[in-house]
């Protein structure tokens, strides 16, 4: 079974088709997306739990000091 619809997507006037094979693969695509989501969450969760390098701490401290009111800096 093929469903056809026409649209002017991008002004090219081409006919776009959607058939039952696309509908059958939708659950597979969803499962793949879920697996990718879980893997990304795992990787970034580990990264969030890592200790911040000393250099970054120093830079953040410098930024905080620069932003403190009353330091006389108006940059």
C-alpha atoms as a PDB file:
ATOM      1  CA  UNK A   1       0.000   0.000   0.000  1.00  0.00           C
ATOM      2  CA  UNK A   2       1.433   3.347  -1.025  1.00  0.00           C
ATOM      3  CA  UNK A   3       0.193   6.720   0.078  1.00  0.00           C
ATOM      4  CA  UNK A   4       1.238   9.614  -2.091  1.00  0.00           C
ATOM      5  CA  UNK A   5       1.033  13.262  -1.333  1.00  0.00           C
ATOM      6  CA  UNK A   6       2.332  16.227  -3.175  1.00  0.00           C
ATOM      7  CA  UNK A   7       3.784  19.228  -1.617  1.00  0.00           C
ATOM      8  CA  UNK A   8       5.925  22.096  -2.593  1.00  0.00           C
ATOM      9  CA  UNK A   9       8.673  21.292  -0.113  1.00  0.00           C
ATOM     10  CA  UNK A  10      11.468  23.629  -0.988  1.00  0.00           C
ATOM     11  CA  UNK A  11       9.700  24.647  -4.157  1.00  0.00           C
ATOM     12  CA  UNK A  12      10.847  21.576  -6.092  1.00  0.00           C
ATOM     13  CA  UNK A  13       7.329  20.264  -6.818  1.00  0.00           C
ATOM     14  CA  UNK A  14       8.404  16.628  -6.349  1.00  0.00           C
ATOM     15  CA  UNK A  15       5.942  13.992  -5.184  1.00  0.00           C
ATOM     16  CA  UNK A  16       6.745  12.428  -1.816  1.00  0.00           C
ATOM     17  CA  UNK A  17       5.804   8.813  -1.077  1.00  0.00           C
ATOM     18  CA  UNK A  18       5.164   7.003   2.171  1.00  0.00           C
ATOM     19  CA  UNK A  19       4.654   3.266   2.194  1.00  0.00           C
ATOM     20  CA  UNK A  20       4.063   0.526   4.749  1.00  0.00           C
ATOM     21  CA  UNK A  21       7.778  -0.309   4.968  1.00  0.00           C
ATOM     22  CA  UNK A  22       8.325   3.087   6.594  1.00  0.00           C
ATOM     23  CA  UNK A  23       5.622   2.309   9.145  1.00  0.00           C
ATOM     24  CA  UNK A  24       7.199  -1.069   9.942  1.00  0.00           C
ATOM     25  CA  UNK A  25      10.638   0.429  10.529  1.00  0.00           C
ATOM     26  CA  UNK A  26       9.339   3.158  12.852  1.00  0.00           C
ATOM     27  CA  UNK A  27       9.547   0.901  15.959  1.00  0.00           C
ATOM     28  CA  UNK A  28      13.099  -0.063  14.962  1.00  0.00           C
ATOM     29  CA  UNK A  29      14.076   3.588  14.630  1.00  0.00           C
ATOM     30  CA  UNK A  30      12.494   4.324  17.998  1.00  0.00           C
ATOM     31  CA  UNK A  31      14.439   1.469  19.627  1.00  0.00           C
ATOM     32  CA  UNK A  32      17.666   2.762  18.099  1.00  0.00           C
ATOM     33  CA  UNK A  33      16.937   6.298  19.345  1.00  0.00           C
ATOM     34  CA  UNK A  34      16.268   4.979  22.837  1.00  0.00           C
ATOM     35  CA  UNK A  35      19.533   3.041  22.808  1.00  0.00           C
ATOM     36  CA  UNK A  36      21.444   6.127  21.666  1.00  0.00           C
ATOM     37  CA  UNK A  37      19.739   8.197  24.388  1.00  0.00           C
ATOM     38  CA  UNK A  38      20.745   5.705  27.070  1.00  0.00           C
ATOM     39  CA  UNK A  39      24.348   5.584  25.852  1.00  0.00           C
ATOM     40  CA  UNK A  40      24.615   9.375  25.762  1.00  0.00           C
ATOM     41  CA  UNK A  41      23.131   9.665  29.242  1.00  0.00           C
ATOM     42  CA  UNK A  42      25.638   7.126  30.540  1.00  0.00           C
ATOM     43  CA  UNK A  43      28.609   8.918  28.967  1.00  0.00           C
ATOM     44  CA  UNK A  44      27.566  12.369  30.099  1.00  0.00           C
ATOM     45  CA  UNK A  45      26.587  11.135  33.553  1.00  0.00           C
ATOM     46  CA  UNK A  46      30.149   9.864  34.008  1.00  0.00           C
ATOM     47  CA  UNK A  47      31.526  13.184  32.768  1.00  0.00           C
ATOM     48  CA  UNK A  48      29.344  15.139  35.213  1.00  0.00           C
ATOM     49  CA  UNK A  49      30.727  13.112  38.099  1.00  0.00           C
ATOM     50  CA  UNK A  50      34.354  13.769  37.157  1.00  0.00           C
ATOM     51  CA  UNK A  51      36.322  16.240  39.234  1.00  0.00           C
ATOM     52  CA  UNK A  52      36.828  19.648  37.683  1.00  0.00           C
ATOM     53  CA  UNK A  53      40.464  20.228  36.611  1.00  0.00           C
ATOM     54  CA  UNK A  54      42.399  22.753  38.734  1.00  0.00           C
ATOM     55  CA  UNK A  55      42.928  25.034  35.726  1.00  0.00           C
ATOM     56  CA  UNK A  56      39.174  25.344  35.216  1.00  0.00           C
ATOM     57  CA  UNK A  57      38.647  26.061  38.923  1.00  0.00           C
ATOM     58  CA  UNK A  58      41.230  28.840  38.718  1.00  0.00           C
ATOM     59  CA  UNK A  59      39.571  30.348  35.660  1.00  0.00           C
ATOM     60  CA  UNK A  60      36.132  30.221  37.282  1.00  0.00           C
ATOM     61  CA  UNK A  61      37.516  31.882  40.413  1.00  0.00           C
ATOM     62  CA  UNK A  62      38.998  34.650  38.269  1.00  0.00           C
ATOM     63  CA  UNK A  63      35.642  35.205  36.576  1.00  0.00           C
ATOM     64  CA  UNK A  64      33.806  35.295  39.904  1.00  0.00           C
ATOM     65  CA  UNK A  65      36.298  37.816  41.283  1.00  0.00           C
ATOM     66  CA  UNK A  66      35.928  39.960  38.184  1.00  0.00           C
ATOM     67  CA  UNK A  67      32.119  39.966  38.498  1.00  0.00           C
ATOM     68  CA  UNK A  68      32.020  40.822  42.214  1.00  0.00           C
ATOM     69  CA  UNK A  69      30.534  44.249  42.931  1.00  0.00           C
ATOM     70  CA  UNK A  70      32.862  46.754  44.517  1.00  0.00           C
ATOM     71  CA  UNK A  71      36.039  45.532  42.868  1.00  0.00           C
ATOM     72  CA  UNK A  72      36.314  48.778  40.967  1.00  0.00           C
ATOM     73  CA  UNK A  73      36.244  47.086  37.605  1.00  0.00           C
ATOM     74  CA  UNK A  74      33.672  48.265  35.091  1.00  0.00           C
ATOM     75  CA  UNK A  75      34.662  46.131  32.123  1.00  0.00           C
END
